[in-house]
ModelCIF file with pLDDT and N, C-alpha, C, O atoms, coordinates in Angstrom:
data_MODEL
#
_entry.id   MODEL 
#
_entity.id                         1 
_entity.type                       polymer 
_entity.pdbx_number_of_molecules   1 
#
_entity_poly.entity_id                      1 
_entity_poly.type                           'polypeptide(L)' 
_entity_poly.nstd_linkage                   no 
_entity_poly.nstd_monomer                   no 
_entity_poly.pdbx_seq_one_letter_code       
;(UNK)(UNK)(UNK)(UNK)(UNK)(UNK)(UNK)(UNK)(UNK)(UNK)(UNK)(UNK)(UNK)(UNK)(UNK)(UNK)
(UNK)(UNK)(UNK)(UNK)(UNK)(UNK)(UNK)(UNK)(UNK)(UNK)(UNK)(UNK)(UNK)(UNK)(UNK)(UNK)
(UNK)(UNK)(UNK)(UNK)(UNK)(UNK)(UNK)(UNK)(UNK)(UNK)
;
_entity_poly.pdbx_seq_one_letter_code_can   XXXXXXXXXXXXXXXXXXXXXXXXXXXXXXXXXXXXXXXXXX 
_entity_poly.pdbx_strand_id                 A 
#
loop_
_entity_poly_seq.entity_id 
_entity_poly_seq.num 
_entity_poly_seq.mon_id 
_entity_poly_seq.hetero 
1 1  UNK n 
1 2  UNK n 
1 3  UNK n 
1 4  UNK n 
1 5  UNK n 
1 6  UNK n 
1 7  UNK n 
1 8  UNK n 
1 9  UNK n 
1 10 UNK n 
1 11 UNK n 
1 12 UNK n 
1 13 UNK n 
1 14 UNK n 
1 15 UNK n 
1 16 UNK n 
1 17 UNK n 
1 18 UNK n 
1 19 UNK n 
1 20 UNK n 
1 21 UNK n 
1 22 UNK n 
1 23 UNK n 
1 24 UNK n 
1 25 UNK n 
1 26 UNK n 
1 27 UNK n 
1 28 UNK n 
1 29 UNK n 
1 30 UNK n 
1 31 UNK n 
1 32 UNK n 
1 33 UNK n 
1 34 UNK n 
1 35 UNK n 
1 36 UNK n 
1 37 UNK n 
1 38 UNK n 
1 39 UNK n 
1 40 UNK n 
1 41 UNK n 
1 42 UNK n 
#
_struct_asym.id          A 
_struct_asym.entity_id   1 
#
loop_
_ma_qa_metric.id 
_ma_qa_metric.mode 
_ma_qa_metric.name 
_ma_qa_metric.software_group_id 
_ma_qa_metric.type 
1 global pLDDT . pLDDT 
2 local  pLDDT . pLDDT 
#
_ma_qa_metric_global.metric_id      1 
_ma_qa_metric_global.metric_value   95.83 
_ma_qa_metric_global.model_id       1 
_ma_qa_metric_global.ordinal_id     1 
#
loop_
_ma_qa_metric_local.label_asym_id 
_ma_qa_metric_local.label_comp_id 
_ma_qa_metric_local.label_seq_id 
_ma_qa_metric_local.metric_id 
_ma_qa_metric_local.metric_value 
_ma_qa_metric_local.model_id 
_ma_qa_metric_local.ordinal_id 
A UNK 1  2 97.00 1 1  
A UNK 2  2 97.00 1 2  
A UNK 3  2 97.00 1 3  
A UNK 4  2 97.00 1 4  
A UNK 5  2 97.00 1 5  
A UNK 6  2 97.00 1 6  
A UNK 7  2 96.00 1 7  
A UNK 8  2 96.00 1 8  
A UNK 9  2 97.00 1 9  
A UNK 10 2 97.00 1 10 
A UNK 11 2 97.00 1 11 
A UNK 12 2 97.00 1 12 
A UNK 13 2 97.00 1 13 
A UNK 14 2 97.00 1 14 
A UNK 15 2 97.00 1 15 
A UNK 16 2 97.00 1 16 
A UNK 17 2 96.00 1 17 
A UNK 18 2 94.00 1 18 
A UNK 19 2 94.00 1 19 
A UNK 20 2 94.00 1 20 
A UNK 21 2 94.00 1 21 
A UNK 22 2 96.00 1 22 
A UNK 23 2 97.00 1 23 
A UNK 24 2 98.00 1 24 
A UNK 25 2 98.00 1 25 
A UNK 26 2 97.00 1 26 
A UNK 27 2 97.00 1 27 
A UNK 28 2 97.00 1 28 
A UNK 29 2 97.00 1 29 
A UNK 30 2 97.00 1 30 
A UNK 31 2 96.00 1 31 
A UNK 32 2 95.00 1 32 
A UNK 33 2 93.00 1 33 
A UNK 34 2 90.00 1 34 
A UNK 35 2 91.00 1 35 
A UNK 36 2 90.00 1 36 
A UNK 37 2 94.00 1 37 
A UNK 38 2 95.00 1 38 
A UNK 39 2 96.00 1 39 
A UNK 40 2 96.00 1 40 
A UNK 41 2 96.00 1 41 
A UNK 42 2 97.00 1 42 
#
loop_
_atom_site.group_PDB 
_atom_site.id 
_atom_site.type_symbol 
_atom_site.label_atom_id 
_atom_site.label_alt_id 
_atom_site.label_comp_id 
_atom_site.label_asym_id 
_atom_site.label_entity_id 
_atom_site.label_seq_id 
_atom_site.pdbx_PDB_ins_code 
_atom_site.Cartn_x 
_atom_site.Cartn_y 
_atom_site.Cartn_z 
_atom_site.occupancy 
_atom_site.B_iso_or_equiv 
_atom_site.pdbx_formal_charge 
_atom_site.auth_seq_id 
_atom_site.auth_comp_id 
_atom_site.auth_asym_id 
_atom_site.auth_atom_id 
_atom_site.pdbx_PDB_model_num 
ATOM 1   N N  . UNK A 1 1  ? -0.131  -9.632  4.541   1.00 97.00 ? 1  UNK A N  1 
ATOM 2   C CA . UNK A 1 1  ? -1.357  -9.799  3.751   1.00 97.00 ? 1  UNK A CA 1 
ATOM 3   C C  . UNK A 1 1  ? -1.585  -11.271 3.423   1.00 97.00 ? 1  UNK A C  1 
ATOM 4   O O  . UNK A 1 1  ? -2.725  -11.733 3.399   1.00 97.00 ? 1  UNK A O  1 
ATOM 5   N N  . UNK A 1 2  ? -0.503  -12.010 3.168   1.00 97.00 ? 2  UNK A N  1 
ATOM 6   C CA . UNK A 1 2  ? -0.618  -13.437 2.841   1.00 97.00 ? 2  UNK A CA 1 
ATOM 7   C C  . UNK A 1 2  ? -1.295  -14.206 3.976   1.00 97.00 ? 2  UNK A C  1 
ATOM 8   O O  . UNK A 1 2  ? -2.033  -15.160 3.730   1.00 97.00 ? 2  UNK A O  1 
ATOM 9   N N  . UNK A 1 3  ? -1.045  -13.791 5.210   1.00 97.00 ? 3  UNK A N  1 
ATOM 10  C CA . UNK A 1 3  ? -1.680  -14.449 6.353   1.00 97.00 ? 3  UNK A CA 1 
ATOM 11  C C  . UNK A 1 3  ? -3.150  -14.066 6.488   1.00 97.00 ? 3  UNK A C  1 
ATOM 12  O O  . UNK A 1 3  ? -3.919  -14.739 7.174   1.00 97.00 ? 3  UNK A O  1 
ATOM 13  N N  . UNK A 1 4  ? -3.527  -12.974 5.822   1.00 97.00 ? 4  UNK A N  1 
ATOM 14  C CA . UNK A 1 4  ? -4.907  -12.486 5.873   1.00 97.00 ? 4  UNK A CA 1 
ATOM 15  C C  . UNK A 1 4  ? -5.753  -13.012 4.715   1.00 97.00 ? 4  UNK A C  1 
ATOM 16  O O  . UNK A 1 4  ? -6.975  -12.865 4.724   1.00 97.00 ? 4  UNK A O  1 
ATOM 17  N N  . UNK A 1 5  ? -5.114  -13.622 3.724   1.00 97.00 ? 5  UNK A N  1 
ATOM 18  C CA . UNK A 1 5  ? -5.816  -14.174 2.567   1.00 97.00 ? 5  UNK A CA 1 
ATOM 19  C C  . UNK A 1 5  ? -5.708  -15.696 2.586   1.00 97.00 ? 5  UNK A C  1 
ATOM 20  O O  . UNK A 1 5  ? -4.653  -16.243 2.907   1.00 97.00 ? 5  UNK A O  1 
ATOM 21  N N  . UNK A 1 6  ? -6.793  -16.374 2.243   1.00 97.00 ? 6  UNK A N  1 
ATOM 22  C CA . UNK A 1 6  ? -6.814  -17.837 2.298   1.00 97.00 ? 6  UNK A CA 1 
ATOM 23  C C  . UNK A 1 6  ? -5.714  -18.438 1.432   1.00 97.00 ? 6  UNK A C  1 
ATOM 24  O O  . UNK A 1 6  ? -5.534  -18.055 0.276   1.00 97.00 ? 6  UNK A O  1 
ATOM 25  N N  . UNK A 1 7  ? -4.983  -19.385 2.012   1.00 96.00 ? 7  UNK A N  1 
ATOM 26  C CA . UNK A 1 7  ? -3.924  -20.059 1.272   1.00 96.00 ? 7  UNK A CA 1 
ATOM 27  C C  . UNK A 1 7  ? -2.736  -19.173 0.951   1.00 96.00 ? 7  UNK A C  1 
ATOM 28  O O  . UNK A 1 7  ? -1.858  -19.563 0.182   1.00 96.00 ? 7  UNK A O  1 
ATOM 29  N N  . UNK A 1 8  ? -2.702  -17.969 1.542   1.00 96.00 ? 8  UNK A N  1 
ATOM 30  C CA . UNK A 1 8  ? -1.593  -17.055 1.282   1.00 96.00 ? 8  UNK A CA 1 
ATOM 31  C C  . UNK A 1 8  ? -1.656  -16.338 -0.044  1.00 96.00 ? 8  UNK A C  1 
ATOM 32  O O  . UNK A 1 8  ? -0.690  -15.690 -0.447  1.00 96.00 ? 8  UNK A O  1 
ATOM 33  N N  . UNK A 1 9  ? -2.794  -16.446 -0.738  1.00 97.00 ? 9  UNK A N  1 
ATOM 34  C CA . UNK A 1 9  ? -2.885  -15.875 -2.091  1.00 97.00 ? 9  UNK A CA 1 
ATOM 35  C C  . UNK A 1 9  ? -3.251  -14.385 -2.005  1.00 97.00 ? 9  UNK A C  1 
ATOM 36  O O  . UNK A 1 9  ? -4.408  -14.006 -2.188  1.00 97.00 ? 9  UNK A O  1 
ATOM 37  N N  . UNK A 1 10 ? -2.253  -13.565 -1.727  1.00 97.00 ? 10 UNK A N  1 
ATOM 38  C CA . UNK A 1 10 ? -2.435  -12.116 -1.646  1.00 97.00 ? 10 UNK A CA 1 
ATOM 39  C C  . UNK A 1 10 ? -2.650  -11.534 -3.051  1.00 97.00 ? 10 UNK A C  1 
ATOM 40  O O  . UNK A 1 10 ? -2.295  -12.186 -4.032  1.00 97.00 ? 10 UNK A O  1 
ATOM 41  N N  . UNK A 1 11 ? -3.215  -10.334 -3.175  1.00 97.00 ? 11 UNK A N  1 
ATOM 42  C CA . UNK A 1 11 ? -3.509  -9.755  -4.493  1.00 97.00 ? 11 UNK A CA 1 
ATOM 43  C C  . UNK A 1 11 ? -2.242  -9.536  -5.324  1.00 97.00 ? 11 UNK A C  1 
ATOM 44  O O  . UNK A 1 11 ? -1.289  -8.908  -4.864  1.00 97.00 ? 11 UNK A O  1 
ATOM 45  N N  . UNK A 1 12 ? -2.244  -10.062 -6.554  1.00 97.00 ? 12 UNK A N  1 
ATOM 46  C CA . UNK A 1 12 ? -1.130  -9.879  -7.487  1.00 97.00 ? 12 UNK A CA 1 
ATOM 47  C C  . UNK A 1 12 ? -1.675  -9.427  -8.837  1.00 97.00 ? 12 UNK A C  1 
ATOM 48  O O  . UNK A 1 12 ? -2.851  -9.615  -9.146  1.00 97.00 ? 12 UNK A O  1 
ATOM 49  N N  . UNK A 1 13 ? -0.798  -8.829  -9.628  1.00 97.00 ? 13 UNK A N  1 
ATOM 50  C CA . UNK A 1 13 ? -1.207  -8.340  -10.942 1.00 97.00 ? 13 UNK A CA 1 
ATOM 51  C C  . UNK A 1 13 ? -1.433  -9.502  -11.895 1.00 97.00 ? 13 UNK A C  1 
ATOM 52  O O  . UNK A 1 13 ? -0.622  -10.425 -11.972 1.00 97.00 ? 13 UNK A O  1 
ATOM 53  N N  . UNK A 1 14 ? -2.544  -9.446  -12.621 1.00 97.00 ? 14 UNK A N  1 
ATOM 54  C CA . UNK A 1 14 ? -2.846  -10.436 -13.635 1.00 97.00 ? 14 UNK A CA 1 
ATOM 55  C C  . UNK A 1 14 ? -2.758  -9.833  -15.038 1.00 97.00 ? 14 UNK A C  1 
ATOM 56  O O  . UNK A 1 14 ? -2.258  -10.471 -15.965 1.00 97.00 ? 14 UNK A O  1 
ATOM 57  N N  . UNK A 1 15 ? -3.250  -8.592  -15.188 1.00 97.00 ? 15 UNK A N  1 
ATOM 58  C CA . UNK A 1 15 ? -3.281  -7.970  -16.520 1.00 97.00 ? 15 UNK A CA 1 
ATOM 59  C C  . UNK A 1 15 ? -3.233  -6.452  -16.398 1.00 97.00 ? 15 UNK A C  1 
ATOM 60  O O  . UNK A 1 15 ? -3.906  -5.863  -15.552 1.00 97.00 ? 15 UNK A O  1 
ATOM 61  N N  . UNK A 1 16 ? -2.429  -5.828  -17.252 1.00 97.00 ? 16 UNK A N  1 
ATOM 62  C CA . UNK A 1 16 ? -2.342  -4.368  -17.339 1.00 97.00 ? 16 UNK A CA 1 
ATOM 63  C C  . UNK A 1 16 ? -2.912  -3.942  -18.690 1.00 97.00 ? 16 UNK A C  1 
ATOM 64  O O  . UNK A 1 16 ? -2.442  -4.382  -19.739 1.00 97.00 ? 16 UNK A O  1 
ATOM 65  N N  . UNK A 1 17 ? -3.930  -3.080  -18.654 1.00 96.00 ? 17 UNK A N  1 
ATOM 66  C CA . UNK A 1 17 ? -4.596  -2.638  -19.886 1.00 96.00 ? 17 UNK A CA 1 
ATOM 67  C C  . UNK A 1 17 ? -3.874  -1.392  -20.415 1.00 96.00 ? 17 UNK A C  1 
ATOM 68  O O  . UNK A 1 17 ? -4.011  -0.302  -19.859 1.00 96.00 ? 17 UNK A O  1 
ATOM 69  N N  . UNK A 1 18 ? -3.116  -1.567  -21.478 1.00 94.00 ? 18 UNK A N  1 
ATOM 70  C CA . UNK A 1 18 ? -2.291  -0.484  -21.999 1.00 94.00 ? 18 UNK A CA 1 
ATOM 71  C C  . UNK A 1 18 ? -3.114  0.721   -22.467 1.00 94.00 ? 18 UNK A C  1 
ATOM 72  O O  . UNK A 1 18 ? -2.614  1.846   -22.490 1.00 94.00 ? 18 UNK A O  1 
ATOM 73  N N  . UNK A 1 19 ? -4.355  0.486   -22.832 1.00 94.00 ? 19 UNK A N  1 
ATOM 74  C CA . UNK A 1 19 ? -5.204  1.561   -23.344 1.00 94.00 ? 19 UNK A CA 1 
ATOM 75  C C  . UNK A 1 19 ? -5.441  2.656   -22.304 1.00 94.00 ? 19 UNK A C  1 
ATOM 76  O O  . UNK A 1 19 ? -5.426  3.838   -22.648 1.00 94.00 ? 19 UNK A O  1 
ATOM 77  N N  . UNK A 1 20 ? -5.659  2.286   -21.040 1.00 94.00 ? 20 UNK A N  1 
ATOM 78  C CA . UNK A 1 20 ? -5.976  3.296   -20.024 1.00 94.00 ? 20 UNK A CA 1 
ATOM 79  C C  . UNK A 1 20 ? -5.251  3.103   -18.689 1.00 94.00 ? 20 UNK A C  1 
ATOM 80  O O  . UNK A 1 20 ? -5.485  3.857   -17.744 1.00 94.00 ? 20 UNK A O  1 
ATOM 81  N N  . UNK A 1 21 ? -4.374  2.098   -18.605 1.00 94.00 ? 21 UNK A N  1 
ATOM 82  C CA . UNK A 1 21 ? -3.607  1.890   -17.385 1.00 94.00 ? 21 UNK A CA 1 
ATOM 83  C C  . UNK A 1 21 ? -4.331  1.154   -16.275 1.00 94.00 ? 21 UNK A C  1 
ATOM 84  O O  . UNK A 1 21 ? -3.781  0.989   -15.187 1.00 94.00 ? 21 UNK A O  1 
ATOM 85  N N  . UNK A 1 22 ? -5.568  0.704   -16.530 1.00 96.00 ? 22 UNK A N  1 
ATOM 86  C CA . UNK A 1 22 ? -6.301  -0.067  -15.519 1.00 96.00 ? 22 UNK A CA 1 
ATOM 87  C C  . UNK A 1 22 ? -5.768  -1.508  -15.456 1.00 96.00 ? 22 UNK A C  1 
ATOM 88  O O  . UNK A 1 22 ? -5.129  -1.984  -16.395 1.00 96.00 ? 22 UNK A O  1 
ATOM 89  N N  . UNK A 1 23 ? -6.037  -2.184  -14.352 1.00 97.00 ? 23 UNK A N  1 
ATOM 90  C CA . UNK A 1 23 ? -5.475  -3.518  -14.160 1.00 97.00 ? 23 UNK A CA 1 
ATOM 91  C C  . UNK A 1 23 ? -6.530  -4.513  -13.690 1.00 97.00 ? 23 UNK A C  1 
ATOM 92  O O  . UNK A 1 23 ? -7.578  -4.142  -13.160 1.00 97.00 ? 23 UNK A O  1 
ATOM 93  N N  . UNK A 1 24 ? -6.218  -5.789  -13.903 1.00 98.00 ? 24 UNK A N  1 
ATOM 94  C CA . UNK A 1 24 ? -6.978  -6.891  -13.310 1.00 98.00 ? 24 UNK A CA 1 
ATOM 95  C C  . UNK A 1 24 ? -6.040  -7.602  -12.346 1.00 98.00 ? 24 UNK A C  1 
ATOM 96  O O  . UNK A 1 24 ? -4.924  -7.974  -12.707 1.00 98.00 ? 24 UNK A O  1 
ATOM 97  N N  . UNK A 1 25 ? -6.508  -7.788  -11.110 1.00 98.00 ? 25 UNK A N  1 
ATOM 98  C CA . UNK A 1 25 ? -5.742  -8.504  -10.099 1.00 98.00 ? 25 UNK A CA 1 
ATOM 99  C C  . UNK A 1 25 ? -6.521  -9.743  -9.660  1.00 98.00 ? 25 UNK A C  1 
ATOM 100 O O  . UNK A 1 25 ? -7.725  -9.850  -9.892  1.00 98.00 ? 25 UNK A O  1 
ATOM 101 N N  . UNK A 1 26 ? -5.814  -10.672 -9.026  1.00 97.00 ? 26 UNK A N  1 
ATOM 102 C CA . UNK A 1 26 ? -6.489  -11.862 -8.506  1.00 97.00 ? 26 UNK A CA 1 
ATOM 103 C C  . UNK A 1 26 ? -5.941  -12.194 -7.130  1.00 97.00 ? 26 UNK A C  1 
ATOM 104 O O  . UNK A 1 26 ? -4.795  -11.883 -6.805  1.00 97.00 ? 26 UNK A O  1 
ATOM 105 N N  . UNK A 1 27 ? -6.783  -12.831 -6.331  1.00 97.00 ? 27 UNK A N  1 
ATOM 106 C CA . UNK A 1 27 ? -6.390  -13.228 -4.975  1.00 97.00 ? 27 UNK A CA 1 
ATOM 107 C C  . UNK A 1 27 ? -7.386  -14.258 -4.472  1.00 97.00 ? 27 UNK A C  1 
ATOM 108 O O  . UNK A 1 27 ? -8.283  -14.678 -5.204  1.00 97.00 ? 27 UNK A O  1 
ATOM 109 N N  . UNK A 1 28 ? -7.225  -14.658 -3.228  1.00 97.00 ? 28 UNK A N  1 
ATOM 110 C CA . UNK A 1 28 ? -8.236  -15.484 -2.554  1.00 97.00 ? 28 UNK A CA 1 
ATOM 111 C C  . UNK A 1 28 ? -9.048  -14.573 -1.633  1.00 97.00 ? 28 UNK A C  1 
ATOM 112 O O  . UNK A 1 28 ? -8.800  -13.369 -1.572  1.00 97.00 ? 28 UNK A O  1 
ATOM 113 N N  . UNK A 1 29 ? -10.015 -15.148 -0.919  1.00 97.00 ? 29 UNK A N  1 
ATOM 114 C CA . UNK A 1 29 ? -10.868 -14.356 -0.030  1.00 97.00 ? 29 UNK A CA 1 
ATOM 115 C C  . UNK A 1 29 ? -10.093 -13.846 1.183   1.00 97.00 ? 29 UNK A C  1 
ATOM 116 O O  . UNK A 1 29 ? -9.154  -14.499 1.638   1.00 97.00 ? 29 UNK A O  1 
ATOM 117 N N  . UNK A 1 30 ? -10.484 -12.676 1.711   1.00 97.00 ? 30 UNK A N  1 
ATOM 118 C CA . UNK A 1 30 ? -9.874  -12.196 2.957   1.00 97.00 ? 30 UNK A CA 1 
ATOM 119 C C  . UNK A 1 30 ? -10.451 -12.959 4.144   1.00 97.00 ? 30 UNK A C  1 
ATOM 120 O O  . UNK A 1 30 ? -11.629 -13.315 4.144   1.00 97.00 ? 30 UNK A O  1 
ATOM 121 N N  . UNK A 1 31 ? -9.631  -13.208 5.142   1.00 96.00 ? 31 UNK A N  1 
ATOM 122 C CA . UNK A 1 31 ? -10.064 -13.971 6.317   1.00 96.00 ? 31 UNK A CA 1 
ATOM 123 C C  . UNK A 1 31 ? -10.580 -13.017 7.392   1.00 96.00 ? 31 UNK A C  1 
ATOM 124 O O  . UNK A 1 31 ? -9.997  -12.902 8.470   1.00 96.00 ? 31 UNK A O  1 
ATOM 125 N N  . UNK A 1 32 ? -11.670 -12.342 7.086   1.00 95.00 ? 32 UNK A N  1 
ATOM 126 C CA . UNK A 1 32 ? -12.241 -11.372 8.026   1.00 95.00 ? 32 UNK A CA 1 
ATOM 127 C C  . UNK A 1 32 ? -12.964 -12.058 9.174   1.00 95.00 ? 32 UNK A C  1 
ATOM 128 O O  . UNK A 1 32 ? -12.974 -11.552 10.296  1.00 95.00 ? 32 UNK A O  1 
ATOM 129 N N  . UNK A 1 33 ? -13.575 -13.219 8.895   1.00 93.00 ? 33 UNK A N  1 
ATOM 130 C CA . UNK A 1 33 ? -14.287 -13.944 9.927   1.00 93.00 ? 33 UNK A CA 1 
ATOM 131 C C  . UNK A 1 33 ? -15.565 -13.246 10.358  1.00 93.00 ? 33 UNK A C  1 
ATOM 132 O O  . UNK A 1 33 ? -15.899 -12.176 9.849   1.00 93.00 ? 33 UNK A O  1 
ATOM 133 N N  . UNK A 1 34 ? -16.272 -13.850 11.292  1.00 90.00 ? 34 UNK A N  1 
ATOM 134 C CA . UNK A 1 34 ? -17.559 -13.319 11.752  1.00 90.00 ? 34 UNK A CA 1 
ATOM 135 C C  . UNK A 1 34 ? -17.409 -11.984 12.483  1.00 90.00 ? 34 UNK A C  1 
ATOM 136 O O  . UNK A 1 34 ? -18.359 -11.204 12.554  1.00 90.00 ? 34 UNK A O  1 
ATOM 137 N N  . UNK A 1 35 ? -16.223 -11.721 13.023  1.00 91.00 ? 35 UNK A N  1 
ATOM 138 C CA . UNK A 1 35 ? -16.009 -10.481 13.794  1.00 91.00 ? 35 UNK A CA 1 
ATOM 139 C C  . UNK A 1 35 ? -15.501 -9.322  12.948  1.00 91.00 ? 35 UNK A C  1 
ATOM 140 O O  . UNK A 1 35 ? -15.245 -8.237  13.471  1.00 91.00 ? 35 UNK A O  1 
ATOM 141 N N  . UNK A 1 36 ? -15.353 -9.546  11.634  1.00 90.00 ? 36 UNK A N  1 
ATOM 142 C CA . UNK A 1 36 ? -14.928 -8.462  10.760  1.00 90.00 ? 36 UNK A CA 1 
ATOM 143 C C  . UNK A 1 36 ? -13.484 -8.040  10.959  1.00 90.00 ? 36 UNK A C  1 
ATOM 144 O O  . UNK A 1 36 ? -13.188 -6.847  11.023  1.00 90.00 ? 36 UNK A O  1 
ATOM 145 N N  . UNK A 1 37 ? -12.589 -9.005  11.056  1.00 94.00 ? 37 UNK A N  1 
ATOM 146 C CA . UNK A 1 37 ? -11.161 -8.720  11.233  1.00 94.00 ? 37 UNK A CA 1 
ATOM 147 C C  . UNK A 1 37 ? -10.629 -7.873  10.083  1.00 94.00 ? 37 UNK A C  1 
ATOM 148 O O  . UNK A 1 37 ? -11.022 -8.059  8.931   1.00 94.00 ? 37 UNK A O  1 
ATOM 149 N N  . UNK A 1 38 ? -9.728  -6.936  10.404  1.00 95.00 ? 38 UNK A N  1 
ATOM 150 C CA . UNK A 1 38 ? -9.153  -6.056  9.387   1.00 95.00 ? 38 UNK A CA 1 
ATOM 151 C C  . UNK A 1 38 ? -7.657  -6.312  9.214   1.00 95.00 ? 38 UNK A C  1 
ATOM 152 O O  . UNK A 1 38 ? -6.994  -6.871  10.087  1.00 95.00 ? 38 UNK A O  1 
ATOM 153 N N  . UNK A 1 39 ? -7.150  -5.883  8.055   1.00 96.00 ? 39 UNK A N  1 
ATOM 154 C CA . UNK A 1 39 ? -5.713  -5.941  7.799   1.00 96.00 ? 39 UNK A CA 1 
ATOM 155 C C  . UNK A 1 39 ? -5.340  -4.657  7.075   1.00 96.00 ? 39 UNK A C  1 
ATOM 156 O O  . UNK A 1 39 ? -5.677  -4.476  5.905   1.00 96.00 ? 39 UNK A O  1 
ATOM 157 N N  . UNK A 1 40 ? -4.649  -3.778  7.766   1.00 96.00 ? 40 UNK A N  1 
ATOM 158 C CA . UNK A 1 40 ? -4.299  -2.471  7.217   1.00 96.00 ? 40 UNK A CA 1 
ATOM 159 C C  . UNK A 1 40 ? -3.470  -2.615  5.943   1.00 96.00 ? 40 UNK A C  1 
ATOM 160 O O  . UNK A 1 40 ? -3.670  -1.869  4.984   1.00 96.00 ? 40 UNK A O  1 
ATOM 161 N N  . UNK A 1 41 ? -2.546  -3.567  5.930   1.00 96.00 ? 41 UNK A N  1 
ATOM 162 C CA . UNK A 1 41 ? -1.682  -3.758  4.765   1.00 96.00 ? 41 UNK A CA 1 
ATOM 163 C C  . UNK A 1 41 ? -2.485  -4.213  3.549   1.00 96.00 ? 41 UNK A C  1 
ATOM 164 O O  . UNK A 1 41 ? -2.183  -3.815  2.424   1.00 96.00 ? 41 UNK A O  1 
ATOM 165 N N  . UNK A 1 42 ? -3.501  -5.039  3.767   1.00 97.00 ? 42 UNK A N  1 
ATOM 166 C CA . UNK A 1 42 ? -4.361  -5.472  2.668   1.00 97.00 ? 42 UNK A CA 1 
ATOM 167 C C  . UNK A 1 42 ? -5.151  -4.292  2.110   1.00 97.00 ? 42 UNK A C  1 
ATOM 168 O O  . UNK A 1 42 ? -5.934  -4.460  1.175   1.00 97.00 ? 42 UNK A O  1 
#
């Protein structure tokens, strides 16, 4: 996934909301390119 995200910034946990278990994550853009490249692991 790191190779599929700019600068290697794959999605990581930023915040866990104890009230309902929802989360905020952060990452860089996916490198899909003009041809719509996919990454199953991402």
